[in-house]
Amino acid sequence: MNYPRGAGYTGYTGFRPRGYNPIRGQPARTTSQSLPTNFQPKTEWKEEDAALVLLVYLPGFLREQVRVTAEEQIRYIRVDGERILSNNTRNRFNTAYSVPKNCDLSQMKAGFANGILTIRIPKNIPAVKNTDTGEVEATASQEDPGVQEFTGKTKA
């Protein structure tokens, strides 16, 4: 189309501010908003006779900033958390860990101390029948008094 000069059509310049969404009409993000930074926490699996232990190292996090959820049907544990840092950024993580079939997720216990999240998952210990008396006995104890139950937002 031919537009006469001065008819009000300026043409498309192709310039849009960084972060601008033309559909929603949102302006670009300003520096006053908190910027998220994702990270992968260091983790360590330990195997004991009666349980698997997952250690998640979260220096600087508080107990209230961490959430542990377990999904028994698909056999995984999700650990996520977020904290606000002083320089206008958010430090967050969201990780999932699959759990072997020989572990009982319904008996999972978690504790948080000194920036370390400890998740203890008891193993399903097969019962052994004593041939002398005919009684059924477990091969090892599943209780560990050293871990207190995690009172944060836990979903079984």
N, C-alpha and C. Protein backbone atom coordinates (compact mmCIF):
# COMPACT_ATOMS: atom_id res chain seq x y z
N MET A 1 0.83 -1.17 0.00
CA MET A 1 0.00 0.00 0.00
C MET A 1 0.88 1.23 0.00
N ASN A 2 0.42 2.20 -0.68
CA ASN A 2 1.12 3.48 -0.70
C ASN A 2 0.42 4.44 0.22
N TYR A 3 1.16 4.91 1.18
CA TYR A 3 0.63 5.91 2.10
C TYR A 3 1.27 7.25 1.77
N PRO A 4 0.48 8.28 1.72
CA PRO A 4 1.08 9.60 1.47
C PRO A 4 1.88 10.04 2.68
N ARG A 5 2.89 10.83 2.42
CA ARG A 5 3.72 11.34 3.51
C ARG A 5 2.87 12.15 4.48
N GLY A 6 3.17 11.93 5.78
CA GLY A 6 2.49 12.68 6.82
C GLY A 6 1.09 12.17 7.13
N ALA A 7 0.74 10.96 6.63
CA ALA A 7 -0.60 10.42 6.87
C ALA A 7 -0.67 9.68 8.19
N GLY A 8 0.39 9.66 8.98
CA GLY A 8 0.35 9.02 10.28
C GLY A 8 0.96 7.63 10.32
N TYR A 9 1.26 7.03 9.20
CA TYR A 9 1.86 5.72 9.20
C TYR A 9 3.38 5.86 9.28
N THR A 10 3.94 5.29 10.32
CA THR A 10 5.39 5.41 10.49
C THR A 10 6.12 4.15 10.06
N GLY A 11 5.39 3.07 9.85
CA GLY A 11 6.04 1.83 9.43
C GLY A 11 6.55 1.02 10.62
N TYR A 12 6.92 -0.20 10.40
CA TYR A 12 7.40 -1.10 11.44
C TYR A 12 8.90 -0.92 11.59
N THR A 13 9.32 -0.58 12.77
CA THR A 13 10.75 -0.37 13.00
C THR A 13 11.44 -1.65 13.44
N GLY A 14 10.69 -2.64 13.94
CA GLY A 14 11.30 -3.89 14.40
C GLY A 14 11.87 -3.80 15.80
N PHE A 15 11.77 -2.67 16.45
CA PHE A 15 12.32 -2.51 17.79
C PHE A 15 11.30 -2.87 18.85
N ARG A 16 11.70 -3.76 19.74
CA ARG A 16 10.90 -4.09 20.91
C ARG A 16 11.84 -4.19 22.08
N PRO A 17 11.47 -3.65 23.23
CA PRO A 17 12.35 -3.77 24.40
C PRO A 17 12.55 -5.23 24.78
N ARG A 18 13.69 -5.54 25.31
CA ARG A 18 14.01 -6.90 25.72
C ARG A 18 13.03 -7.36 26.79
N GLY A 19 12.43 -8.52 26.60
CA GLY A 19 11.48 -9.06 27.56
C GLY A 19 10.05 -8.62 27.32
N TYR A 20 9.82 -7.82 26.32
CA TYR A 20 8.46 -7.34 26.05
C TYR A 20 7.65 -8.43 25.40
N ASN A 21 6.43 -8.63 25.90
CA ASN A 21 5.52 -9.61 25.34
C ASN A 21 4.39 -8.85 24.67
N PRO A 22 4.35 -8.81 23.32
CA PRO A 22 3.33 -8.00 22.64
C PRO A 22 1.92 -8.51 22.84
N ILE A 23 1.74 -9.80 23.09
CA ILE A 23 0.40 -10.35 23.28
C ILE A 23 -0.18 -9.90 24.61
N ARG A 24 0.62 -9.97 25.65
CA ARG A 24 0.16 -9.58 26.98
C ARG A 24 0.42 -8.10 27.27
N GLY A 25 1.22 -7.46 26.46
CA GLY A 25 1.52 -6.06 26.68
C GLY A 25 2.36 -5.83 27.92
N GLN A 26 3.20 -6.83 28.27
CA GLN A 26 4.01 -6.71 29.46
C GLN A 26 5.30 -5.96 29.15
N PRO A 27 5.68 -5.05 30.02
CA PRO A 27 6.94 -4.35 29.81
C PRO A 27 8.12 -5.27 30.13
N ALA A 28 9.29 -4.84 29.75
CA ALA A 28 10.50 -5.59 30.06
C ALA A 28 10.70 -5.63 31.57
N ARG A 29 11.33 -6.69 32.07
CA ARG A 29 11.60 -6.84 33.50
C ARG A 29 12.57 -5.78 33.95
N THR A 30 12.27 -5.17 35.07
CA THR A 30 13.16 -4.16 35.62
C THR A 30 14.11 -4.80 36.61
N THR A 31 15.16 -4.10 36.95
CA THR A 31 16.13 -4.66 37.88
C THR A 31 15.64 -4.65 39.32
N SER A 32 14.52 -3.99 39.61
CA SER A 32 14.01 -3.98 40.98
C SER A 32 13.30 -5.29 41.32
N GLN A 33 12.96 -6.10 40.32
CA GLN A 33 12.34 -7.40 40.58
C GLN A 33 13.43 -8.40 40.93
N SER A 34 13.08 -9.38 41.77
CA SER A 34 14.09 -10.37 42.15
C SER A 34 14.28 -11.36 41.01
N LEU A 35 15.52 -11.64 40.71
CA LEU A 35 15.88 -12.53 39.61
C LEU A 35 16.19 -13.91 40.17
N PRO A 36 15.59 -14.96 39.58
CA PRO A 36 15.86 -16.30 40.10
C PRO A 36 17.18 -16.86 39.58
N THR A 37 17.86 -17.59 40.43
CA THR A 37 19.04 -18.34 40.02
C THR A 37 18.82 -19.78 40.45
N ASN A 38 18.88 -20.68 39.50
CA ASN A 38 18.70 -22.10 39.78
C ASN A 38 20.05 -22.74 40.05
N PHE A 39 20.06 -23.73 40.92
CA PHE A 39 21.29 -24.48 41.16
C PHE A 39 20.95 -25.92 41.49
N GLN A 40 21.91 -26.79 41.33
CA GLN A 40 21.78 -28.21 41.67
C GLN A 40 22.53 -28.42 42.98
N PRO A 41 21.84 -28.80 44.04
CA PRO A 41 22.56 -29.05 45.30
C PRO A 41 23.39 -30.32 45.20
N LYS A 42 24.46 -30.35 45.98
CA LYS A 42 25.30 -31.53 46.04
C LYS A 42 24.56 -32.61 46.82
N THR A 43 24.55 -33.81 46.30
CA THR A 43 23.84 -34.91 46.97
C THR A 43 24.76 -36.11 47.13
N GLU A 44 24.40 -36.94 48.06
CA GLU A 44 25.19 -38.14 48.34
C GLU A 44 24.26 -39.25 48.82
N TRP A 45 24.36 -40.43 48.20
CA TRP A 45 23.59 -41.59 48.64
C TRP A 45 24.49 -42.46 49.50
N LYS A 46 23.94 -42.94 50.62
CA LYS A 46 24.65 -43.89 51.48
C LYS A 46 23.74 -45.09 51.69
N GLU A 47 24.34 -46.26 51.63
CA GLU A 47 23.55 -47.46 51.84
C GLU A 47 23.92 -48.09 53.17
N GLU A 48 22.91 -48.31 53.99
CA GLU A 48 23.09 -48.98 55.28
C GLU A 48 22.41 -50.34 55.20
N ASP A 49 22.57 -51.13 56.25
CA ASP A 49 21.96 -52.46 56.24
C ASP A 49 20.44 -52.38 56.14
N ALA A 50 19.82 -51.48 56.87
CA ALA A 50 18.37 -51.43 56.94
C ALA A 50 17.75 -50.28 56.16
N ALA A 51 18.57 -49.39 55.57
CA ALA A 51 17.98 -48.22 54.91
C ALA A 51 18.92 -47.62 53.87
N LEU A 52 18.34 -46.87 52.96
CA LEU A 52 19.09 -46.00 52.06
C LEU A 52 19.00 -44.60 52.64
N VAL A 53 20.10 -43.86 52.58
CA VAL A 53 20.13 -42.51 53.14
C VAL A 53 20.57 -41.56 52.03
N LEU A 54 19.75 -40.52 51.83
CA LEU A 54 20.07 -39.48 50.86
C LEU A 54 20.44 -38.22 51.62
N LEU A 55 21.64 -37.70 51.36
CA LEU A 55 22.09 -36.45 51.98
C LEU A 55 22.07 -35.37 50.91
N VAL A 56 21.38 -34.27 51.18
CA VAL A 56 21.31 -33.14 50.26
C VAL A 56 21.94 -31.95 50.99
N TYR A 57 23.02 -31.42 50.41
CA TYR A 57 23.75 -30.33 51.04
C TYR A 57 23.18 -29.00 50.59
N LEU A 58 22.61 -28.24 51.54
CA LEU A 58 21.94 -26.97 51.26
C LEU A 58 22.46 -25.87 52.18
N PRO A 59 23.70 -25.43 51.99
CA PRO A 59 24.24 -24.40 52.87
C PRO A 59 23.47 -23.08 52.72
N GLY A 60 23.16 -22.46 53.84
CA GLY A 60 22.46 -21.19 53.84
C GLY A 60 20.94 -21.30 53.85
N PHE A 61 20.40 -22.49 53.63
CA PHE A 61 18.95 -22.68 53.64
C PHE A 61 18.47 -22.95 55.05
N LEU A 62 17.23 -22.58 55.31
CA LEU A 62 16.57 -22.88 56.58
C LEU A 62 15.58 -24.01 56.36
N ARG A 63 15.18 -24.64 57.44
CA ARG A 63 14.22 -25.75 57.37
C ARG A 63 12.92 -25.34 56.69
N GLU A 64 12.45 -24.12 56.94
CA GLU A 64 11.19 -23.64 56.38
C GLU A 64 11.28 -23.37 54.88
N GLN A 65 12.48 -23.29 54.34
CA GLN A 65 12.67 -22.98 52.92
C GLN A 65 12.81 -24.23 52.06
N VAL A 66 12.72 -25.39 52.68
CA VAL A 66 12.91 -26.67 51.96
C VAL A 66 11.65 -27.50 52.08
N ARG A 67 11.28 -28.17 50.99
CA ARG A 67 10.10 -29.04 50.98
C ARG A 67 10.50 -30.40 50.39
N VAL A 68 10.02 -31.46 51.03
CA VAL A 68 10.26 -32.83 50.58
C VAL A 68 8.92 -33.48 50.32
N THR A 69 8.75 -34.05 49.13
CA THR A 69 7.53 -34.80 48.82
C THR A 69 7.92 -36.16 48.25
N ALA A 70 7.10 -37.15 48.53
CA ALA A 70 7.33 -38.50 48.04
C ALA A 70 6.11 -38.96 47.28
N GLU A 71 6.34 -39.57 46.14
CA GLU A 71 5.26 -40.14 45.34
C GLU A 71 5.49 -41.65 45.25
N GLU A 72 4.68 -42.39 46.02
CA GLU A 72 4.88 -43.83 46.12
C GLU A 72 4.57 -44.58 44.82
N GLN A 73 3.58 -44.09 44.06
CA GLN A 73 3.17 -44.81 42.86
C GLN A 73 4.26 -44.82 41.78
N ILE A 74 4.96 -43.71 41.63
CA ILE A 74 6.01 -43.68 40.61
C ILE A 74 7.40 -43.74 41.24
N ARG A 75 7.47 -43.92 42.55
CA ARG A 75 8.69 -44.21 43.30
C ARG A 75 9.77 -43.15 43.13
N TYR A 76 9.45 -41.92 43.53
CA TYR A 76 10.47 -40.90 43.53
C TYR A 76 10.26 -39.94 44.69
N ILE A 77 11.33 -39.23 45.02
CA ILE A 77 11.31 -38.20 46.05
C ILE A 77 11.65 -36.89 45.36
N ARG A 78 10.88 -35.85 45.64
CA ARG A 78 11.18 -34.52 45.09
C ARG A 78 11.57 -33.61 46.25
N VAL A 79 12.69 -32.92 46.06
CA VAL A 79 13.19 -31.97 47.04
C VAL A 79 13.28 -30.62 46.33
N ASP A 80 12.62 -29.60 46.89
CA ASP A 80 12.71 -28.28 46.29
C ASP A 80 12.75 -27.22 47.39
N GLY A 81 13.27 -26.07 47.04
CA GLY A 81 13.36 -24.98 48.00
C GLY A 81 13.76 -23.69 47.34
N GLU A 82 13.58 -22.61 48.10
CA GLU A 82 13.91 -21.29 47.58
C GLU A 82 14.23 -20.36 48.75
N ARG A 83 15.22 -19.52 48.56
CA ARG A 83 15.55 -18.50 49.55
C ARG A 83 15.92 -17.21 48.83
N ILE A 84 15.67 -16.09 49.50
CA ILE A 84 15.97 -14.79 48.92
C ILE A 84 17.32 -14.33 49.45
N LEU A 85 18.20 -13.95 48.54
CA LEU A 85 19.52 -13.47 48.91
C LEU A 85 19.49 -11.95 49.06
N SER A 86 20.53 -11.41 49.61
CA SER A 86 20.56 -9.97 49.89
C SER A 86 20.71 -9.11 48.64
N ASN A 87 21.27 -9.63 47.57
CA ASN A 87 21.51 -8.82 46.37
C ASN A 87 20.37 -8.94 45.35
N ASN A 88 19.13 -9.01 45.85
CA ASN A 88 17.93 -8.99 45.00
C ASN A 88 17.83 -10.20 44.07
N THR A 89 18.29 -11.35 44.52
CA THR A 89 18.14 -12.57 43.73
C THR A 89 17.53 -13.65 44.62
N ARG A 90 16.91 -14.61 43.95
CA ARG A 90 16.35 -15.78 44.63
C ARG A 90 17.20 -16.98 44.26
N ASN A 91 17.56 -17.76 45.22
CA ASN A 91 18.33 -18.98 45.01
C ASN A 91 17.36 -20.14 45.16
N ARG A 92 17.16 -20.92 44.10
CA ARG A 92 16.17 -21.99 44.18
C ARG A 92 16.69 -23.26 43.51
N PHE A 93 16.05 -24.37 43.89
CA PHE A 93 16.38 -25.67 43.32
C PHE A 93 15.14 -26.53 43.31
N ASN A 94 15.12 -27.52 42.45
CA ASN A 94 14.02 -28.46 42.33
C ASN A 94 14.60 -29.74 41.74
N THR A 95 14.76 -30.76 42.56
CA THR A 95 15.37 -32.00 42.11
C THR A 95 14.48 -33.19 42.46
N ALA A 96 14.59 -34.23 41.66
CA ALA A 96 13.83 -35.47 41.90
C ALA A 96 14.80 -36.64 41.90
N TYR A 97 14.54 -37.59 42.77
CA TYR A 97 15.40 -38.76 42.92
C TYR A 97 14.52 -40.00 42.86
N SER A 98 14.91 -40.95 42.01
CA SER A 98 14.14 -42.20 41.96
C SER A 98 14.60 -43.11 43.09
N VAL A 99 13.66 -43.89 43.58
CA VAL A 99 13.91 -44.76 44.72
C VAL A 99 13.79 -46.21 44.27
N PRO A 100 14.73 -47.08 44.64
CA PRO A 100 14.66 -48.49 44.26
C PRO A 100 13.41 -49.18 44.81
N LYS A 101 13.02 -50.24 44.18
CA LYS A 101 11.81 -50.97 44.59
C LYS A 101 11.96 -51.66 45.94
N ASN A 102 13.18 -51.88 46.38
CA ASN A 102 13.36 -52.56 47.67
C ASN A 102 13.27 -51.62 48.86
N CYS A 103 12.83 -50.38 48.65
CA CYS A 103 12.68 -49.40 49.74
C CYS A 103 11.21 -49.07 49.98
N ASP A 104 10.88 -48.75 51.23
CA ASP A 104 9.52 -48.46 51.63
C ASP A 104 9.34 -46.95 51.80
N LEU A 105 8.77 -46.29 50.79
CA LEU A 105 8.59 -44.84 50.83
C LEU A 105 7.61 -44.38 51.90
N SER A 106 6.68 -45.25 52.29
CA SER A 106 5.70 -44.84 53.30
C SER A 106 6.35 -44.67 54.68
N GLN A 107 7.53 -45.24 54.88
CA GLN A 107 8.24 -45.13 56.15
C GLN A 107 9.39 -44.13 56.09
N MET A 108 9.43 -43.31 55.04
CA MET A 108 10.51 -42.34 54.86
C MET A 108 10.50 -41.31 55.99
N LYS A 109 11.69 -40.96 56.46
CA LYS A 109 11.85 -39.93 57.49
C LYS A 109 12.92 -38.97 57.02
N ALA A 110 12.73 -37.69 57.34
CA ALA A 110 13.70 -36.68 56.94
C ALA A 110 14.00 -35.76 58.10
N GLY A 111 15.22 -35.26 58.12
CA GLY A 111 15.63 -34.29 59.13
C GLY A 111 16.53 -33.25 58.48
N PHE A 112 16.57 -32.07 59.07
CA PHE A 112 17.37 -30.98 58.52
C PHE A 112 18.18 -30.36 59.64
N ALA A 113 19.51 -30.37 59.51
CA ALA A 113 20.38 -29.78 60.52
C ALA A 113 21.66 -29.30 59.86
N ASN A 114 22.11 -28.10 60.24
CA ASN A 114 23.37 -27.52 59.76
C ASN A 114 23.47 -27.49 58.23
N GLY A 115 22.36 -27.20 57.56
CA GLY A 115 22.38 -27.09 56.10
C GLY A 115 22.41 -28.42 55.37
N ILE A 116 22.17 -29.52 56.07
CA ILE A 116 22.17 -30.83 55.43
C ILE A 116 20.81 -31.48 55.65
N LEU A 117 20.14 -31.80 54.55
CA LEU A 117 18.87 -32.52 54.60
C LEU A 117 19.19 -34.01 54.53
N THR A 118 18.74 -34.76 55.53
CA THR A 118 18.97 -36.20 55.59
C THR A 118 17.64 -36.91 55.41
N ILE A 119 17.54 -37.72 54.37
CA ILE A 119 16.33 -38.48 54.10
C ILE A 119 16.67 -39.96 54.24
N ARG A 120 15.99 -40.62 55.17
CA ARG A 120 16.23 -42.04 55.42
C ARG A 120 15.03 -42.83 54.93
N ILE A 121 15.29 -43.78 54.02
CA ILE A 121 14.24 -44.62 53.44
C ILE A 121 14.52 -46.07 53.83
N PRO A 122 13.71 -46.66 54.71
CA PRO A 122 13.95 -48.04 55.12
C PRO A 122 13.79 -49.02 53.96
N LYS A 123 14.61 -50.04 54.00
CA LYS A 123 14.51 -51.09 52.99
C LYS A 123 13.42 -52.07 53.39
N ASN A 124 12.80 -52.67 52.39
CA ASN A 124 11.86 -53.76 52.66
C ASN A 124 12.70 -54.98 52.95
N ILE A 125 12.71 -55.39 54.21
CA ILE A 125 13.55 -56.50 54.62
C ILE A 125 12.70 -57.76 54.63
N PRO A 126 13.09 -58.74 53.83
CA PRO A 126 12.29 -59.97 53.80
C PRO A 126 12.37 -60.71 55.13
N ALA A 127 11.25 -61.23 55.54
CA ALA A 127 11.20 -61.97 56.80
C ALA A 127 11.85 -63.34 56.60
N VAL A 128 12.54 -63.78 57.63
CA VAL A 128 13.21 -65.08 57.59
C VAL A 128 12.52 -66.00 58.58
N LYS A 129 12.14 -67.15 58.11
CA LYS A 129 11.46 -68.11 58.99
C LYS A 129 12.51 -68.94 59.71
N ASN A 130 12.40 -68.95 61.02
CA ASN A 130 13.31 -69.74 61.84
C ASN A 130 12.87 -71.19 61.76
N THR A 131 13.73 -72.04 61.27
CA THR A 131 13.37 -73.45 61.08
C THR A 131 13.26 -74.20 62.40
N ASP A 132 13.93 -73.73 63.44
CA ASP A 132 13.88 -74.42 64.73
C ASP A 132 12.55 -74.20 65.45
N THR A 133 12.08 -72.94 65.48
CA THR A 133 10.87 -72.64 66.23
C THR A 133 9.66 -72.41 65.34
N GLY A 134 9.87 -72.16 64.05
CA GLY A 134 8.77 -71.89 63.13
C GLY A 134 8.30 -70.45 63.18
N GLU A 135 9.00 -69.58 63.94
CA GLU A 135 8.61 -68.18 64.03
C GLU A 135 9.21 -67.37 62.89
N VAL A 136 8.53 -66.31 62.54
CA VAL A 136 9.00 -65.41 61.48
C VAL A 136 9.70 -64.23 62.14
N GLU A 137 10.93 -63.97 61.71
CA GLU A 137 11.72 -62.88 62.28
C GLU A 137 12.23 -61.98 61.16
N ALA A 138 12.38 -60.70 61.46
CA ALA A 138 13.01 -59.77 60.52
C ALA A 138 14.51 -59.93 60.65
N THR A 139 15.23 -59.66 59.57
CA THR A 139 16.68 -59.85 59.59
C THR A 139 17.42 -58.67 60.22
N ALA A 140 16.81 -57.48 60.24
CA ALA A 140 17.46 -56.31 60.84
C ALA A 140 16.39 -55.34 61.30
N SER A 141 16.78 -54.45 62.18
CA SER A 141 15.85 -53.44 62.68
C SER A 141 15.69 -52.32 61.68
N GLN A 142 14.46 -51.83 61.51
CA GLN A 142 14.22 -50.73 60.59
C GLN A 142 14.16 -49.40 61.32
N GLU A 143 14.16 -49.39 62.62
CA GLU A 143 14.06 -48.15 63.38
C GLU A 143 15.45 -47.61 63.69
N ASP A 144 15.60 -46.32 63.56
CA ASP A 144 16.85 -45.65 63.90
C ASP A 144 16.50 -44.44 64.76
N PRO A 145 16.83 -44.45 66.04
CA PRO A 145 16.45 -43.35 66.91
C PRO A 145 17.20 -42.06 66.60
N GLY A 146 18.23 -42.09 65.75
CA GLY A 146 19.03 -40.91 65.47
C GLY A 146 18.39 -39.92 64.52
N VAL A 147 17.30 -40.29 63.85
CA VAL A 147 16.66 -39.39 62.88
C VAL A 147 15.28 -39.03 63.38
N GLN A 148 15.02 -37.74 63.49
CA GLN A 148 13.69 -37.31 63.90
C GLN A 148 12.86 -37.04 62.67
N GLU A 149 11.59 -37.17 62.80
CA GLU A 149 10.69 -37.00 61.66
C GLU A 149 10.66 -35.56 61.20
N PHE A 150 10.68 -35.36 59.89
CA PHE A 150 10.67 -34.03 59.28
C PHE A 150 9.27 -33.47 59.39
N THR A 151 9.14 -32.29 60.02
CA THR A 151 7.82 -31.72 60.22
C THR A 151 7.47 -30.68 59.17
N GLY A 152 8.32 -30.52 58.16
CA GLY A 152 8.03 -29.56 57.08
C GLY A 152 6.89 -30.07 56.23
N LYS A 153 6.75 -29.54 55.05
CA LYS A 153 5.64 -29.90 54.17
C LYS A 153 5.97 -31.23 53.48
N THR A 154 5.56 -32.33 54.10
CA THR A 154 5.83 -33.66 53.57
C THR A 154 4.54 -34.29 53.12
N LYS A 155 4.54 -34.83 51.91
CA LYS A 155 3.38 -35.51 51.37
C LYS A 155 3.73 -36.98 51.22
N ALA A 156 2.94 -37.84 51.78
CA ALA A 156 3.20 -39.28 51.69
C ALA A 156 2.46 -39.89 50.54
